[in-house]
PDB file of all heavy atoms in Angstrom:
ATOM      1  N   LYS A   1      94.450 100.679  88.123  1.00  0.00           N
ATOM      2  CA  LYS A   1      95.267 100.407  89.282  1.00  0.00           C
ATOM      3  C   LYS A   1      94.800 101.314  90.470  1.00  0.00           C
ATOM      4  O   LYS A   1      94.223 102.407  90.206  1.00  0.00           O
ATOM      5  CB  LYS A   1      96.752 100.591  89.007  1.00  0.00           C
ATOM      6  CG  LYS A   1      97.254  99.560  88.010  1.00  0.00           C
ATOM      7  CD  LYS A   1      98.757  99.647  87.917  1.00  0.00           C
ATOM      8  CE  LYS A   1      99.352  98.604  87.008  1.00  0.00           C
ATOM      9  NZ  LYS A   1     100.828  98.621  86.898  1.00  0.00           N
ATOM     10  N   GLU A   2      95.235 100.969  91.648  1.00  0.00           N
ATOM     11  CA  GLU A   2      94.917 101.823  92.771  1.00  0.00           C
ATOM     12  C   GLU A   2      95.918 102.998  92.845  1.00  0.00           C
ATOM     13  O   GLU A   2      97.003 102.903  92.282  1.00  0.00           O
ATOM     14  CB  GLU A   2      95.060 100.992  94.102  1.00  0.00           C
ATOM     15  CG  GLU A   2      93.982  99.948  94.279  1.00  0.00           C
ATOM     16  CD  GLU A   2      94.037  99.339  95.664  1.00  0.00           C
ATOM     17  OE1 GLU A   2      94.902  99.726  96.443  1.00  0.00           O
ATOM     18  OE2 GLU A   2      93.160  98.470  95.963  1.00  0.00           O
ATOM     19  N   ARG A   3      95.442 104.026  93.484  1.00  0.00           N
ATOM     20  CA  ARG A   3      96.358 105.189  93.662  1.00  0.00           C
ATOM     21  C   ARG A   3      97.452 104.769  94.650  1.00  0.00           C
ATOM     22  O   ARG A   3      97.239 104.057  95.638  1.00  0.00           O
ATOM     23  CB  ARG A   3      95.528 106.362  94.299  1.00  0.00           C
ATOM     24  CG  ARG A   3      96.280 107.662  94.278  1.00  0.00           C
ATOM     25  CD  ARG A   3      95.366 108.767  94.673  1.00  0.00           C
ATOM     26  NE  ARG A   3      94.288 108.957  93.743  1.00  0.00           N
ATOM     27  CZ  ARG A   3      93.388 109.987  93.722  1.00  0.00           C
ATOM     28  NH1 ARG A   3      93.519 110.938  94.649  1.00  0.00           N
ATOM     29  NH2 ARG A   3      92.406 110.084  92.893  1.00  0.00           N
ATOM     30  N   GLU A   4      98.611 105.265  94.278  1.00  0.00           N
ATOM     31  CA  GLU A   4      99.853 104.878  95.095  1.00  0.00           C
ATOM     32  C   GLU A   4     100.672 106.081  95.418  1.00  0.00           C
ATOM     33  O   GLU A   4     100.696 107.059  94.683  1.00  0.00           O
ATOM     34  CB  GLU A   4     100.698 103.817  94.350  1.00  0.00           C
ATOM     35  CG  GLU A   4     101.270 104.366  93.098  1.00  0.00           C
ATOM     36  CD  GLU A   4     102.283 103.355  92.385  1.00  0.00           C
ATOM     37  OE1 GLU A   4     102.527 102.265  93.013  1.00  0.00           O
ATOM     38  OE2 GLU A   4     102.797 103.652  91.321  1.00  0.00           O
ATOM     39  N   GLY A   5     101.354 105.978  96.536  1.00  0.00           N
ATOM     40  CA  GLY A   5     102.227 107.073  96.939  1.00  0.00           C
ATOM     41  C   GLY A   5     103.535 107.058  96.218  1.00  0.00           C
ATOM     42  O   GLY A   5     104.111 105.984  95.943  1.00  0.00           O
ATOM     43  N   VAL A   6     103.952 108.238  95.745  1.00  0.00           N
ATOM     44  CA  VAL A   6     105.171 108.366  94.976  1.00  0.00           C
ATOM     45  C   VAL A   6     106.287 108.973  95.829  1.00  0.00           C
ATOM     46  O   VAL A   6     107.388 108.437  95.928  1.00  0.00           O
ATOM     47  CB  VAL A   6     104.963 109.276  93.726  1.00  0.00           C
ATOM     48  CG1 VAL A   6     106.267 109.508  93.022  1.00  0.00           C
ATOM     49  CG2 VAL A   6     103.939 108.620  92.802  1.00  0.00           C
ATOM     50  N   SER A   7     106.008 110.091  96.487  1.00  0.00           N
ATOM     51  CA  SER A   7     107.024 110.753  97.247  1.00  0.00           C
ATOM     52  C   SER A   7     106.345 111.774  98.204  1.00  0.00           C
ATOM     53  O   SER A   7     105.270 112.214  97.917  1.00  0.00           O
ATOM     54  CB  SER A   7     108.004 111.516  96.340  1.00  0.00           C
ATOM     55  OG  SER A   7     108.969 112.199  97.094  1.00  0.00           O
ATOM     56  N   CYS A   8     107.016 111.979  99.336  1.00  0.00           N
ATOM     57  CA  CYS A   8     106.494 113.019 100.217  1.00  0.00           C
ATOM     58  C   CYS A   8     107.685 113.777 100.848  1.00  0.00           C
ATOM     59  O   CYS A   8     108.821 113.299 100.784  1.00  0.00           O
ATOM     60  CB  CYS A   8     105.639 112.412 101.336  1.00  0.00           C
ATOM     61  SG  CYS A   8     106.471 111.306 102.479  1.00  0.00           S
ATOM     62  N   ILE A   9     107.350 114.939 101.386  1.00  0.00           N
ATOM     63  CA  ILE A   9     108.395 115.841 101.929  1.00  0.00           C
ATOM     64  C   ILE A   9     107.867 116.458 103.266  1.00  0.00           C
ATOM     65  O   ILE A   9     106.673 116.804 103.362  1.00  0.00           O
ATOM     66  CB  ILE A   9     108.791 116.921 100.916  1.00  0.00           C
ATOM     67  CG1 ILE A   9     109.955 117.775 101.448  1.00  0.00           C
ATOM     68  CG2 ILE A   9     107.624 117.836 100.568  1.00  0.00           C
ATOM     69  CD1 ILE A   9     110.657 118.566 100.374  1.00  0.00           C
ATOM     70  N   SER A  10     108.686 116.462 104.220  1.00  0.00           N
ATOM     71  CA  SER A  10     108.263 116.963 105.552  1.00  0.00           C
ATOM     72  C   SER A  10     108.026 118.458 105.591  1.00  0.00           C
ATOM     73  O   SER A  10     108.413 119.180 104.625  1.00  0.00           O
ATOM     74  CB  SER A  10     109.379 116.635 106.591  1.00  0.00           C
ATOM     75  OG  SER A  10     110.603 117.267 106.296  1.00  0.00           O
ATOM     76  N   VAL A  11     107.498 118.947 106.673  1.00  0.00           N
ATOM     77  CA  VAL A  11     107.286 120.388 106.833  1.00  0.00           C
ATOM     78  C   VAL A  11     108.580 121.144 106.732  1.00  0.00           C
ATOM     79  O   VAL A  11     108.695 122.184 106.080  1.00  0.00           O
ATOM     80  CB  VAL A  11     106.624 120.696 108.174  1.00  0.00           C
ATOM     81  CG1 VAL A  11     106.591 122.162 108.494  1.00  0.00           C
ATOM     82  CG2 VAL A  11     105.191 120.097 108.213  1.00  0.00           C
ATOM     83  N   SER A  12     109.590 120.603 107.286  1.00  0.00           N
ATOM     84  CA  SER A  12     110.921 121.251 107.311  1.00  0.00           C
ATOM     85  C   SER A  12     111.583 121.198 105.939  1.00  0.00           C
ATOM     86  O   SER A  12     112.470 122.028 105.607  1.00  0.00           O
ATOM     87  CB  SER A  12     111.831 120.610 108.293  1.00  0.00           C
ATOM     88  OG  SER A  12     112.187 119.273 107.878  1.00  0.00           O
ATOM     89  N   GLY A  13     111.164 120.266 105.096  1.00  0.00           N
ATOM     90  CA  GLY A  13     111.797 120.085 103.851  1.00  0.00           C
ATOM     91  C   GLY A  13     113.024 119.159 103.889  1.00  0.00           C
ATOM     92  O   GLY A  13     113.572 118.799 102.883  1.00  0.00           O
ATOM     93  N   GLY A  14     113.415 118.840 105.113  1.00  0.00           N
ATOM     94  CA  GLY A  14     114.698 118.074 105.257  1.00  0.00           C
ATOM     95  C   GLY A  14     114.505 116.572 105.145  1.00  0.00           C
ATOM     96  O   GLY A  14     115.528 115.866 105.072  1.00  0.00           O
ATOM     97  N   VAL A  15     113.291 116.102 105.155  1.00  0.00           N
ATOM     98  CA  VAL A  15     113.052 114.666 105.001  1.00  0.00           C
ATOM     99  C   VAL A  15     112.181 114.429 103.790  1.00  0.00           C
ATOM    100  O   VAL A  15     111.158 115.039 103.603  1.00  0.00           O
ATOM    101  CB  VAL A  15     112.384 114.149 106.280  1.00  0.00           C
ATOM    102  CG1 VAL A  15     111.950 112.664 106.077  1.00  0.00           C
ATOM    103  CG2 VAL A  15     113.267 114.225 107.496  1.00  0.00           C
ATOM    104  N   GLN A  16     112.646 113.511 102.916  1.00  0.00           N
ATOM    105  CA  GLN A  16     111.874 113.102 101.725  1.00  0.00           C
ATOM    106  C   GLN A  16     111.827 111.562 101.703  1.00  0.00           C
ATOM    107  O   GLN A  16     112.819 110.923 102.015  1.00  0.00           O
ATOM    108  CB  GLN A  16     112.512 113.608 100.457  1.00  0.00           C
ATOM    109  CG  GLN A  16     112.786 115.107 100.404  1.00  0.00           C
ATOM    110  CD  GLN A  16     114.177 115.466 100.773  1.00  0.00           C
ATOM    111  OE1 GLN A  16     115.148 114.775 100.418  1.00  0.00           O
ATOM    112  NE2 GLN A  16     114.356 116.556 101.483  1.00  0.00           N
ATOM    113  N   ASN A  17     110.668 111.106 101.365  1.00  0.00           N
ATOM    114  CA  ASN A  17     110.505 109.656 101.228  1.00  0.00           C
ATOM    115  C   ASN A  17     110.061 109.367  99.780  1.00  0.00           C
ATOM    116  O   ASN A  17     109.316 110.158  99.156  1.00  0.00           O
ATOM    117  CB  ASN A  17     109.468 109.095 102.203  1.00  0.00           C
ATOM    118  CG  ASN A  17     109.922 109.206 103.627  1.00  0.00           C
ATOM    119  OD1 ASN A  17     111.117 108.979 103.911  1.00  0.00           O
ATOM    120  ND2 ASN A  17     109.029 109.485 104.559  1.00  0.00           N
ATOM    121  N   TYR A  18     110.512 108.167  99.294  1.00  0.00           N
ATOM    122  CA  TYR A  18     110.160 107.828  97.911  1.00  0.00           C
ATOM    123  C   TYR A  18     109.759 106.400  97.828  1.00  0.00           C
ATOM    124  O   TYR A  18     110.176 105.542  98.589  1.00  0.00           O
ATOM    125  CB  TYR A  18     111.388 107.987  97.011  1.00  0.00           C
ATOM    126  CG  TYR A  18     111.908 109.436  96.871  1.00  0.00           C
ATOM    127  CD1 TYR A  18     112.862 109.902  97.775  1.00  0.00           C
ATOM    128  CD2 TYR A  18     111.388 110.303  95.931  1.00  0.00           C
ATOM    129  CE1 TYR A  18     113.334 111.193  97.629  1.00  0.00           C
ATOM    130  CE2 TYR A  18     111.804 111.591  95.836  1.00  0.00           C
ATOM    131  CZ  TYR A  18     112.825 112.040  96.687  1.00  0.00           C
ATOM    132  OH  TYR A  18     113.229 113.355  96.592  1.00  0.00           O
ATOM    133  N   ALA A  19     108.790 106.115  96.886  1.00  0.00           N
ATOM    134  CA  ALA A  19     108.467 104.767  96.635  1.00  0.00           C
ATOM    135  C   ALA A  19     109.685 104.092  95.991  1.00  0.00           C
ATOM    136  O   ALA A  19     110.471 104.761  95.255  1.00  0.00           O
ATOM    137  CB  ALA A  19     107.295 104.707  95.635  1.00  0.00           C
ATOM    138  N   ASP A  20     109.891 102.794  96.204  1.00  0.00           N
ATOM    139  CA  ASP A  20     111.052 102.132  95.613  1.00  0.00           C
ATOM    140  C   ASP A  20     111.094 102.232  94.116  1.00  0.00           C
ATOM    141  O   ASP A  20     112.193 102.298  93.547  1.00  0.00           O
ATOM    142  CB  ASP A  20     110.972 100.623  96.058  1.00  0.00           C
ATOM    143  CG  ASP A  20     111.260 100.435  97.466  1.00  0.00           C
ATOM    144  OD1 ASP A  20     111.820 101.340  98.140  1.00  0.00           O
ATOM    145  OD2 ASP A  20     110.920  99.317  98.011  1.00  0.00           O
ATOM    146  N   SER A  21     109.979 102.295  93.478  1.00  0.00           N
ATOM    147  CA  SER A  21     109.915 102.316  92.024  1.00  0.00           C
ATOM    148  C   SER A  21     110.480 103.617  91.405  1.00  0.00           C
ATOM    149  O   SER A  21     110.791 103.668  90.230  1.00  0.00           O
ATOM    150  CB  SER A  21     108.519 102.068  91.521  1.00  0.00           C
ATOM    151  OG  SER A  21     107.636 103.097  92.039  1.00  0.00           O
ATOM    152  N   VAL A  22     110.585 104.644  92.224  1.00  0.00           N
ATOM    153  CA  VAL A  22     111.067 105.939  91.684  1.00  0.00           C
ATOM    154  C   VAL A  22     112.346 106.449  92.335  1.00  0.00           C
ATOM    155  O   VAL A  22     112.862 107.496  91.935  1.00  0.00           O
ATOM    156  CB  VAL A  22     109.941 107.045  91.857  1.00  0.00           C
ATOM    157  CG1 VAL A  22     108.631 106.594  91.229  1.00  0.00           C
ATOM    158  CG2 VAL A  22     109.739 107.452  93.264  1.00  0.00           C
ATOM    159  N   LYS A  23     112.836 105.739  93.338  1.00  0.00           N
ATOM    160  CA  LYS A  23     114.071 106.150  94.007  1.00  0.00           C
ATOM    161  C   LYS A  23     115.193 106.330  92.983  1.00  0.00           C
ATOM    162  O   LYS A  23     115.429 105.461  92.118  1.00  0.00           O
ATOM    163  CB  LYS A  23     114.461 105.136  95.049  1.00  0.00           C
ATOM    164  CG  LYS A  23     113.688 105.238  96.362  1.00  0.00           C
ATOM    165  CD  LYS A  23     114.146 104.215  97.353  1.00  0.00           C
ATOM    166  CE  LYS A  23     113.325 104.346  98.639  1.00  0.00           C
ATOM    167  NZ  LYS A  23     113.711 103.304  99.612  1.00  0.00           N
ATOM    168  N   GLY A  24     115.939 107.401  93.105  1.00  0.00           N
ATOM    169  CA  GLY A  24     117.071 107.669  92.217  1.00  0.00           C
ATOM    170  C   GLY A  24     116.664 108.310  90.913  1.00  0.00           C
ATOM    171  O   GLY A  24     117.503 108.761  90.123  1.00  0.00           O
ATOM    172  N   ARG A  25     115.332 108.402  90.639  1.00  0.00           N
ATOM    173  CA  ARG A  25     114.819 109.016  89.364  1.00  0.00           C
ATOM    174  C   ARG A  25     114.022 110.238  89.688  1.00  0.00           C
ATOM    175  O   ARG A  25     114.040 111.193  88.854  1.00  0.00           O
ATOM    176  CB  ARG A  25     114.036 108.009  88.592  1.00  0.00           C
ATOM    177  CG  ARG A  25     114.745 106.743  88.147  1.00  0.00           C
ATOM    178  CD  ARG A  25     113.945 105.885  87.223  1.00  0.00           C
ATOM    179  NE  ARG A  25     112.715 105.453  87.834  1.00  0.00           N
ATOM    180  CZ  ARG A  25     111.509 105.721  87.299  1.00  0.00           C
ATOM    181  NH1 ARG A  25     111.356 106.453  86.211  1.00  0.00           N
ATOM    182  NH2 ARG A  25     110.419 105.211  87.901  1.00  0.00           N
ATOM    183  N   PHE A  26     113.311 110.269  90.751  1.00  0.00           N
ATOM    184  CA  PHE A  26     112.423 111.394  91.061  1.00  0.00           C
ATOM    185  C   PHE A  26     112.988 112.164  92.254  1.00  0.00           C
ATOM    186  O   PHE A  26     113.582 111.582  93.202  1.00  0.00           O
ATOM    187  CB  PHE A  26     111.021 110.942  91.442  1.00  0.00           C
ATOM    188  CG  PHE A  26     110.201 110.335  90.309  1.00  0.00           C
ATOM    189  CD1 PHE A  26     110.812 110.058  89.047  1.00  0.00           C
ATOM    190  CD2 PHE A  26     108.866 110.060  90.456  1.00  0.00           C
ATOM    191  CE1 PHE A  26     110.046 109.553  88.012  1.00  0.00           C
ATOM    192  CE2 PHE A  26     108.120 109.554  89.424  1.00  0.00           C
ATOM    193  CZ  PHE A  26     108.720 109.287  88.230  1.00  0.00           C
ATOM    194  N   THR A  27     112.793 113.501  92.311  1.00  0.00           N
ATOM    195  CA  THR A  27     113.180 114.340  93.355  1.00  0.00           C
ATOM    196  C   THR A  27     112.060 115.293  93.743  1.00  0.00           C
ATOM    197  O   THR A  27     111.572 115.972  92.890  1.00  0.00           O
ATOM    198  CB  THR A  27     114.417 115.198  93.000  1.00  0.00           C
ATOM    199  OG1 THR A  27     115.485 114.254  92.605  1.00  0.00           O
ATOM    200  CG2 THR A  27     114.853 116.013  94.229  1.00  0.00           C
ATOM    201  N   ILE A  28     111.635 115.229  95.004  1.00  0.00           N
ATOM    202  CA  ILE A  28     110.613 116.126  95.488  1.00  0.00           C
ATOM    203  C   ILE A  28     111.224 117.335  96.169  1.00  0.00           C
ATOM    204  O   ILE A  28     112.289 117.238  96.785  1.00  0.00           O
ATOM    205  CB  ILE A  28     109.659 115.383  96.484  1.00  0.00           C
ATOM    206  CG1 ILE A  28     108.406 116.205  96.743  1.00  0.00           C
ATOM    207  CG2 ILE A  28     110.436 114.982  97.771  1.00  0.00           C
ATOM    208  CD1 ILE A  28     107.333 115.413  97.569  1.00  0.00           C
ATOM    209  N   SER A  29     110.607 118.459  96.046  1.00  0.00           N
ATOM    210  CA  SER A  29     111.129 119.686  96.648  1.00  0.00           C
ATOM    211  C   SER A  29     109.943 120.611  96.941  1.00  0.00           C
ATOM    212  O   SER A  29     108.841 120.468  96.372  1.00  0.00           O
ATOM    213  CB  SER A  29     112.157 120.399  95.819  1.00  0.00           C
ATOM    214  OG  SER A  29     111.665 120.809  94.616  1.00  0.00           O
ATOM    215  N   ARG A  30     110.139 121.589  97.824  1.00  0.00           N
ATOM    216  CA  ARG A  30     109.119 122.563  98.157  1.00  0.00           C
ATOM    217  C   ARG A  30     109.703 123.915  98.305  1.00  0.00           C
ATOM    218  O   ARG A  30     110.867 124.075  98.675  1.00  0.00           O
ATOM    219  CB  ARG A  30     108.383 122.158  99.380  1.00  0.00           C
ATOM    220  CG  ARG A  30     109.195 122.117 100.647  1.00  0.00           C
ATOM    221  CD  ARG A  30     108.440 121.449 101.820  1.00  0.00           C
ATOM    222  NE  ARG A  30     107.304 122.242 102.207  1.00  0.00           N
ATOM    223  CZ  ARG A  30     106.290 121.802 102.961  1.00  0.00           C
ATOM    224  NH1 ARG A  30     106.333 120.513 103.380  1.00  0.00           N
ATOM    225  NH2 ARG A  30     105.279 122.557 103.275  1.00  0.00           N
ATOM    226  N   ASP A  31     108.910 124.966  97.947  1.00  0.00           N
ATOM    227  CA  ASP A  31     109.273 126.338  98.210  1.00  0.00           C
ATOM    228  C   ASP A  31     108.140 126.959  98.936  1.00  0.00           C
ATOM    229  O   ASP A  31     107.151 127.393  98.334  1.00  0.00           O
ATOM    230  CB  ASP A  31     109.498 126.996  96.831  1.00  0.00           C
ATOM    231  CG  ASP A  31     109.950 128.438  96.931  1.00  0.00           C
ATOM    232  OD1 ASP A  31     109.819 129.039  98.032  1.00  0.00           O
ATOM    233  OD2 ASP A  31     110.452 129.014  95.923  1.00  0.00           O
ATOM    234  N   ASN A  32     108.321 127.039 100.208  1.00  0.00           N
ATOM    235  CA  ASN A  32     107.248 127.569 101.046  1.00  0.00           C
ATOM    236  C   ASN A  32     106.945 129.033 100.777  1.00  0.00           C
ATOM    237  O   ASN A  32     105.787 129.480 100.866  1.00  0.00           O
ATOM    238  CB  ASN A  32     107.568 127.389 102.520  1.00  0.00           C
ATOM    239  CG  ASN A  32     107.499 125.927 102.933  1.00  0.00           C
ATOM    240  OD1 ASN A  32     106.917 125.087 102.311  1.00  0.00           O
ATOM    241  ND2 ASN A  32     108.178 125.617 104.071  1.00  0.00           N
TER     242      ASN A  32
END
């Protein structure tokens, strides 16, 4: 299969986006 996006997080950390297939199951976070 092709590579697909799962989740991303903004520079601020305040915005996260998720693929529909993982919403509610995956959580992205960052520790700068």
